């Protein structure tokens, strides 16, 4: 009798069951949730690897060889190209020219962009038309801009020298004088990029809540005071972005000085390299003298310089932002 009861209880006890088996559609849905984000961003990384990362790594590889442009095989020289580069006077001249043009263009560009954005943020008639007009210099062909400014700053028949003579000043050799050529190229850069940066700053101004300005107005703050104490502190992240991007673009300047050179077929940045930038020197080394390994070393040094300057700018602007936030408290 006991044996029969045990057998009946065994039959009545439910068998242990595991997790339910997923159907094909459920497995497909889980895989979609897990892997779809990676597939969506994969095209960017594929394109970046092909046109960005691979050239960067291949350039670092070429910088270790003494190789001509049309030479398939080159002799391995290690860091000899870098040693030669740091002893090259023309490289240091090009580096000084690059920093000079960078300072003359970036600092006024950011300041004027903030002021233009503040004007566009006021109540204007047809605001869209003003914003499009500010952006027009960025849309214009850079070749046309270079030709126009080369004529404006012409030594004999340029409009700028004509105005200087009308005001009683002497003519300036804008292409022969080193500082004058830097100032002319910086003017070209500022004319093209100030409106673009102004629209970025304007977008950040539009994102500031109106309640903050209304509270400042209730406290009796006037327009200038509100701009200095309210608007500028809230624009610090955007200004950091503008400064960093302007730094990267300013140290890579190539087209403006190349088109500013009056000598036909010349890529040297003037008769005595007075406005030759690093990118112009790299172009001359790679495609005129055809020293591809040496040009690759120049490219990598420029890359490291840009990284260092961008990081320094980021730390300085963040430091100023932190100091300003503590002062506001």
Protein backbone atom coordinates (compact mmCIF):
# COMPACT_ATOMS: atom_id res chain seq x y z
CA UNK A 1 0.00 0.00 0.00
CA UNK A 2 2.79 2.39 0.86
CA UNK A 3 4.50 1.67 -2.44
CA UNK A 4 1.32 2.51 -4.37
CA UNK A 5 0.97 5.83 -2.52
CA UNK A 6 4.59 6.75 -3.28
CA UNK A 7 4.11 5.98 -6.97
CA UNK A 8 0.91 8.08 -7.06
CA UNK A 9 2.65 11.00 -5.36
CA UNK A 10 5.50 10.81 -7.83
CA UNK A 11 3.06 10.89 -10.71
CA UNK A 12 1.14 13.80 -9.18
CA UNK A 13 4.26 15.94 -8.54
CA UNK A 14 4.85 18.41 -11.37
CA UNK A 15 7.97 17.90 -13.38
CA UNK A 16 10.67 20.61 -12.97
CA UNK A 17 10.44 23.09 -15.80
CA UNK A 18 13.16 25.53 -17.04
CA UNK A 19 12.74 28.98 -18.59
CA UNK A 20 10.37 29.04 -21.54
CA UNK A 21 11.99 28.55 -24.87
CA UNK A 22 12.07 31.74 -26.94
CA UNK A 23 10.64 31.81 -30.38
CA UNK A 24 12.63 32.95 -33.38
CA UNK A 25 10.86 36.32 -33.42
CA UNK A 26 11.64 36.91 -29.75
CA UNK A 27 15.32 36.07 -30.27
CA UNK A 28 15.41 38.37 -33.27
CA UNK A 29 13.84 41.17 -31.23
CA UNK A 30 16.43 40.79 -28.45
CA UNK A 31 19.28 40.78 -30.95
CA UNK A 32 17.81 43.90 -32.55
CA UNK A 33 17.74 45.75 -29.22
CA UNK A 34 21.29 44.63 -28.37
CA UNK A 35 23.13 45.13 -31.67
CA UNK A 36 21.16 47.80 -33.56
CA UNK A 37 22.83 50.79 -31.81
CA UNK A 38 26.25 49.48 -32.84
CA UNK A 39 25.10 49.00 -36.43
CA UNK A 40 23.69 52.53 -36.55
CA UNK A 41 27.00 54.13 -35.54
CA UNK A 42 29.17 51.68 -37.48
CA UNK A 43 29.20 53.71 -40.76
CA UNK A 44 30.80 56.67 -38.99
CA UNK A 45 33.60 54.55 -37.55
CA UNK A 46 34.15 52.77 -40.86
CA UNK A 47 34.47 56.09 -42.73
CA UNK A 48 36.63 57.53 -39.95
CA UNK A 49 38.91 54.51 -40.06
CA UNK A 50 39.32 54.73 -43.84
CA UNK A 51 39.77 58.48 -44.29
CA UNK A 52 40.99 59.46 -40.83
CA UNK A 53 42.70 56.81 -38.77
CA UNK A 54 44.43 54.91 -41.58
CA UNK A 55 46.09 58.02 -43.12
CA UNK A 56 47.20 59.10 -39.65
CA UNK A 57 48.83 55.77 -38.88
CA UNK A 58 50.29 55.42 -42.36
CA UNK A 59 51.78 58.92 -42.13
CA UNK A 60 53.46 58.00 -38.86
CA UNK A 61 54.87 54.92 -40.60
CA UNK A 62 56.19 56.95 -43.56
CA UNK A 63 57.83 59.48 -41.26
CA UNK A 64 60.34 56.78 -40.26
CA UNK A 65 61.55 56.29 -43.85
CA UNK A 66 63.58 58.28 -46.34
CA UNK A 67 61.12 57.94 -49.19
CA UNK A 68 60.38 59.97 -52.29
CA UNK A 69 56.90 60.57 -53.64
CA UNK A 70 57.25 58.07 -56.52
CA UNK A 71 59.51 55.64 -54.69
CA UNK A 72 57.81 52.43 -53.61
CA UNK A 73 60.58 51.28 -51.30
CA UNK A 74 62.38 53.64 -48.97
CA UNK A 75 65.26 53.31 -46.56
CA UNK A 76 64.35 53.04 -42.89
CA UNK A 77 65.92 55.97 -41.01
CA UNK A 78 64.06 55.86 -37.71
CA UNK A 79 63.70 59.29 -36.12
CA UNK A 80 66.27 60.94 -38.39
CA UNK A 81 63.54 62.95 -40.14
CA UNK A 82 62.43 64.40 -36.81
CA UNK A 83 66.00 65.23 -35.80
CA UNK A 84 66.53 67.01 -39.11
CA UNK A 85 63.19 68.78 -38.78
CA UNK A 86 63.96 70.30 -35.38
CA UNK A 87 67.22 71.66 -36.79
CA UNK A 88 65.47 73.09 -39.87
CA UNK A 89 65.32 76.92 -39.75
CA UNK A 90 62.59 77.05 -42.39
CA UNK A 91 60.38 74.85 -40.21
CA UNK A 92 60.73 77.21 -37.25
CA UNK A 93 60.02 80.18 -39.51
CA UNK A 94 56.87 78.48 -40.78
CA UNK A 95 55.85 77.61 -37.21
CA UNK A 96 56.28 81.24 -36.13
CA UNK A 97 54.27 82.44 -39.12
CA UNK A 98 51.50 79.96 -38.30
CA UNK A 99 51.22 81.10 -34.69
CA UNK A 100 51.33 84.77 -35.70
CA UNK A 101 48.46 84.37 -38.19
CA UNK A 102 46.61 82.17 -35.69
CA UNK A 103 46.73 84.80 -32.93
CA UNK A 104 45.82 87.66 -35.28
CA UNK A 105 42.82 85.73 -36.58
CA UNK A 106 41.47 83.72 -33.65
CA UNK A 107 41.38 86.35 -30.90
CA UNK A 108 39.54 89.09 -32.87
CA UNK A 109 37.36 86.44 -34.49
CA UNK A 110 35.96 85.15 -31.20
CA UNK A 111 35.45 88.65 -29.76
CA UNK A 112 33.71 89.99 -32.87
CA UNK A 113 31.61 86.81 -33.16
CA UNK A 114 30.25 87.33 -29.63
CA UNK A 115 29.44 90.99 -30.36
CA UNK A 116 27.75 90.15 -33.67
CA UNK A 117 25.74 87.41 -31.96
CA UNK A 118 24.63 89.92 -29.31
CA UNK A 119 23.45 92.32 -32.04
CA UNK A 120 21.59 89.53 -33.84
CA UNK A 121 19.95 88.58 -30.56
CA UNK A 122 18.24 91.97 -30.32
CA UNK A 123 14.92 92.83 -31.90
CA UNK A 124 15.74 93.35 -35.57
CA UNK A 125 13.51 93.60 -38.57
CA UNK A 126 13.84 90.55 -40.84
CA UNK A 127 16.17 88.67 -38.44
CA UNK A 128 16.50 85.70 -40.80
CA UNK A 129 17.87 87.95 -43.53
CA UNK A 130 20.51 89.36 -41.18
CA UNK A 131 21.57 85.88 -40.09
CA UNK A 132 21.84 84.67 -43.68
CA UNK A 133 23.84 87.79 -44.55
CA UNK A 134 26.27 87.12 -41.73
CA UNK A 135 26.78 83.56 -43.01
CA UNK A 136 27.33 84.55 -46.66
CA UNK A 137 31.12 85.00 -46.37
CA UNK A 138 31.38 81.38 -45.24
CA UNK A 139 29.40 80.20 -48.28
CA UNK A 140 31.46 82.14 -50.83
CA UNK A 141 34.10 80.14 -52.70
CA UNK A 142 37.44 80.35 -50.95
CA UNK A 143 39.25 80.75 -54.27
CA UNK A 144 37.15 83.83 -55.05
CA UNK A 145 37.83 85.19 -51.56
CA UNK A 146 41.58 84.72 -52.02
CA UNK A 147 41.58 86.49 -55.38
CA UNK A 148 39.48 89.40 -54.09
CA UNK A 149 41.60 89.95 -50.97
CA UNK A 150 44.85 89.61 -52.93
CA UNK A 151 43.62 92.49 -55.10
CA UNK A 152 42.35 94.51 -52.14
CA UNK A 153 45.76 94.31 -50.50
CA UNK A 154 47.69 94.83 -53.73
CA UNK A 155 50.76 97.00 -53.41
CA UNK A 156 50.26 99.26 -56.44
CA UNK A 157 46.54 99.24 -57.23
CA UNK A 158 44.96 97.79 -54.10
CA UNK A 159 41.95 99.48 -52.55
CA UNK A 160 43.43 99.36 -49.03
CA UNK A 161 46.59 101.22 -50.07
CA UNK A 162 44.44 103.70 -51.99
CA UNK A 163 42.50 104.47 -48.81
CA UNK A 164 45.74 104.78 -46.83
CA UNK A 165 47.11 107.30 -49.33
CA UNK A 166 43.84 109.27 -49.15
CA UNK A 167 44.25 109.47 -45.38
CA UNK A 168 47.86 110.63 -45.76
CA UNK A 169 49.68 107.38 -44.98
CA UNK A 170 52.32 105.63 -47.04
CA UNK A 171 51.63 102.51 -49.08
CA UNK A 172 52.27 99.16 -47.42
CA UNK A 173 53.80 96.19 -49.15
CA UNK A 174 51.19 93.74 -47.89
CA UNK A 175 52.84 90.74 -49.52
CA UNK A 176 56.47 91.66 -48.96
CA UNK A 177 56.28 92.75 -45.33
CA UNK A 178 56.04 89.88 -42.90
CA UNK A 179 53.70 91.37 -40.30
CA UNK A 180 51.58 93.12 -42.93
CA UNK A 181 51.09 89.85 -44.82
CA UNK A 182 50.05 88.10 -41.60
CA UNK A 183 47.56 90.86 -40.89
CA UNK A 184 46.10 90.67 -44.41
CA UNK A 185 45.71 86.88 -44.25
CA UNK A 186 44.18 87.12 -40.76
CA UNK A 187 41.69 89.68 -42.11
CA UNK A 188 40.72 87.20 -44.83
CA UNK A 189 40.22 84.44 -42.25
CA UNK A 190 38.21 86.68 -39.92
CA UNK A 191 35.96 87.88 -42.75
CA UNK A 192 35.12 84.29 -43.68
CA UNK A 193 34.71 82.63 -40.28
CA UNK A 194 33.37 85.32 -37.93
CA UNK A 195 29.77 84.97 -39.13
CA UNK A 196 29.89 81.19 -38.82
CA UNK A 197 31.05 81.40 -35.19
CA UNK A 198 28.57 84.18 -34.50
CA UNK A 199 25.66 81.91 -35.44
CA UNK A 200 26.96 79.21 -33.10
CA UNK A 201 27.12 81.73 -30.25
CA UNK A 202 23.69 83.08 -31.22
CA UNK A 203 22.19 79.60 -30.94
CA UNK A 204 23.62 79.35 -27.42
CA UNK A 205 22.17 82.77 -26.55
CA UNK A 206 18.74 81.69 -27.75
CA UNK A 207 18.93 78.67 -25.44
CA UNK A 208 19.32 80.86 -22.33
CA UNK A 209 16.00 80.91 -20.43
CA UNK A 210 14.22 84.27 -20.55
CA UNK A 211 13.38 84.01 -16.85
CA UNK A 212 17.03 84.61 -15.97
CA UNK A 213 17.13 87.90 -17.90
CA UNK A 214 13.77 88.91 -16.46
CA UNK A 215 15.04 88.31 -12.94
CA UNK A 216 18.12 90.43 -13.68
CA UNK A 217 15.90 93.21 -15.06
CA UNK A 218 13.80 93.14 -11.91
CA UNK A 219 17.00 93.52 -9.87
CA UNK A 220 17.76 96.66 -11.88
CA UNK A 221 20.52 95.35 -14.15
CA UNK A 222 20.83 97.20 -17.46
CA UNK A 223 21.58 95.67 -20.85
CA UNK A 224 25.38 95.84 -20.59
CA UNK A 225 25.34 94.51 -17.04
CA UNK A 226 23.04 91.63 -18.02
CA UNK A 227 25.29 90.77 -20.95
CA UNK A 228 28.45 90.71 -18.82
CA UNK A 229 27.05 89.09 -15.69
CA UNK A 230 24.36 86.80 -17.12
CA UNK A 231 24.89 86.07 -20.82
CA UNK A 232 28.67 85.61 -20.95
CA UNK A 233 28.88 83.21 -17.97
CA UNK A 234 26.19 81.02 -19.52
CA UNK A 235 28.03 81.06 -22.87
CA UNK A 236 31.24 79.58 -21.45
CA UNK A 237 30.74 76.00 -22.78
CA UNK A 238 29.96 77.35 -26.26
CA UNK A 239 32.92 79.73 -26.16
CA UNK A 240 35.21 76.85 -25.18
CA UNK A 241 33.95 74.92 -28.21
CA UNK A 242 34.49 77.91 -30.52
CA UNK A 243 37.99 78.53 -29.17
CA UNK A 244 39.04 74.89 -29.57
CA UNK A 245 37.66 74.57 -33.11
CA UNK A 246 39.21 77.92 -34.09
CA UNK A 247 42.54 76.69 -32.72
CA UNK A 248 42.41 73.52 -34.80
CA UNK A 249 41.44 75.39 -37.96
CA UNK A 250 43.85 78.28 -37.38
CA UNK A 251 46.91 76.05 -37.02
CA UNK A 252 45.98 74.14 -40.19
CA UNK A 253 45.60 77.25 -42.36
CA UNK A 254 46.61 76.53 -45.93
CA UNK A 255 44.33 77.94 -48.65
CA UNK A 256 44.38 81.60 -47.59
CA UNK A 257 48.18 82.07 -47.63
CA UNK A 258 48.49 79.93 -50.76
CA UNK A 259 46.04 82.11 -52.70
CA UNK A 260 47.49 85.29 -51.23
CA UNK A 261 50.87 84.60 -52.82
CA UNK A 262 51.22 86.85 -55.88
CA UNK A 263 53.95 84.73 -57.45
CA UNK A 264 52.36 82.39 -60.01
CA UNK A 265 52.99 78.72 -59.36
CA UNK A 266 54.60 79.41 -56.00
CA UNK A 267 53.68 77.53 -52.86
CA UNK A 268 56.40 78.97 -50.66
CA UNK A 269 54.37 81.67 -48.92
CA UNK A 270 56.16 84.69 -50.31
CA UNK A 271 59.52 85.37 -51.87
CA UNK A 272 61.34 84.88 -48.55
CA UNK A 273 58.78 82.61 -46.85
CA UNK A 274 57.45 85.59 -44.92
CA UNK A 275 53.94 84.11 -44.64
CA UNK A 276 54.66 80.44 -45.20
CA UNK A 277 52.68 78.28 -42.77
CA UNK A 278 53.48 74.74 -41.67
CA UNK A 279 50.91 73.25 -44.03
CA UNK A 280 52.41 75.21 -46.94
CA UNK A 281 55.86 73.96 -46.00
CA UNK A 282 54.53 70.41 -45.78
CA UNK A 283 52.89 70.79 -49.22
CA UNK A 284 56.12 72.14 -50.69
CA UNK A 285 58.17 69.32 -49.17
CA UNK A 286 55.82 66.56 -50.35
CA UNK A 287 54.89 67.70 -53.85
CA UNK A 288 57.73 69.99 -54.96
CA UNK A 289 60.85 68.45 -53.45
CA UNK A 290 59.02 65.08 -53.22
CA UNK A 291 60.45 64.12 -49.83
CA UNK A 292 57.46 62.19 -48.59
CA UNK A 293 59.07 60.87 -45.41
CA UNK A 294 60.16 64.35 -44.32
CA UNK A 295 56.71 65.77 -45.13
CA UNK A 296 55.13 63.02 -43.04
CA UNK A 297 57.32 64.02 -40.10
CA UNK A 298 56.13 67.63 -40.54
CA UNK A 299 52.52 66.42 -40.53
CA UNK A 300 52.97 64.51 -37.30
CA UNK A 301 54.71 67.39 -35.55
CA UNK A 302 51.86 69.67 -36.65
CA UNK A 303 49.37 67.13 -35.29
CA UNK A 304 51.10 67.11 -31.90
CA UNK A 305 51.31 70.93 -31.84
CA UNK A 306 47.57 71.19 -32.53
CA UNK A 307 46.79 68.69 -29.76
CA UNK A 308 48.98 70.55 -27.25
CA UNK A 309 47.61 74.01 -28.10
CA UNK A 310 44.00 72.75 -28.12
CA UNK A 311 44.43 71.12 -24.71
CA UNK A 312 46.07 74.27 -23.29
CA UNK A 313 43.24 76.42 -24.66
CA UNK A 314 40.66 74.04 -23.22
CA UNK A 315 42.30 74.06 -19.78
CA UNK A 316 42.68 77.84 -19.76
CA UNK A 317 39.10 78.52 -20.83
CA UNK A 318 37.77 75.96 -18.34
CA UNK A 319 39.92 77.53 -15.63
CA UNK A 320 38.55 80.97 -16.47
CA UNK A 321 35.02 79.56 -16.49
CA UNK A 322 35.51 77.97 -13.07
CA UNK A 323 37.04 81.16 -11.66
CA UNK A 324 34.22 83.25 -13.09
CA UNK A 325 31.58 80.93 -11.63
CA UNK A 326 33.21 81.19 -8.18
CA UNK A 327 33.33 85.00 -8.47
CA UNK A 328 29.62 85.09 -9.38
CA UNK A 329 28.84 83.17 -6.21
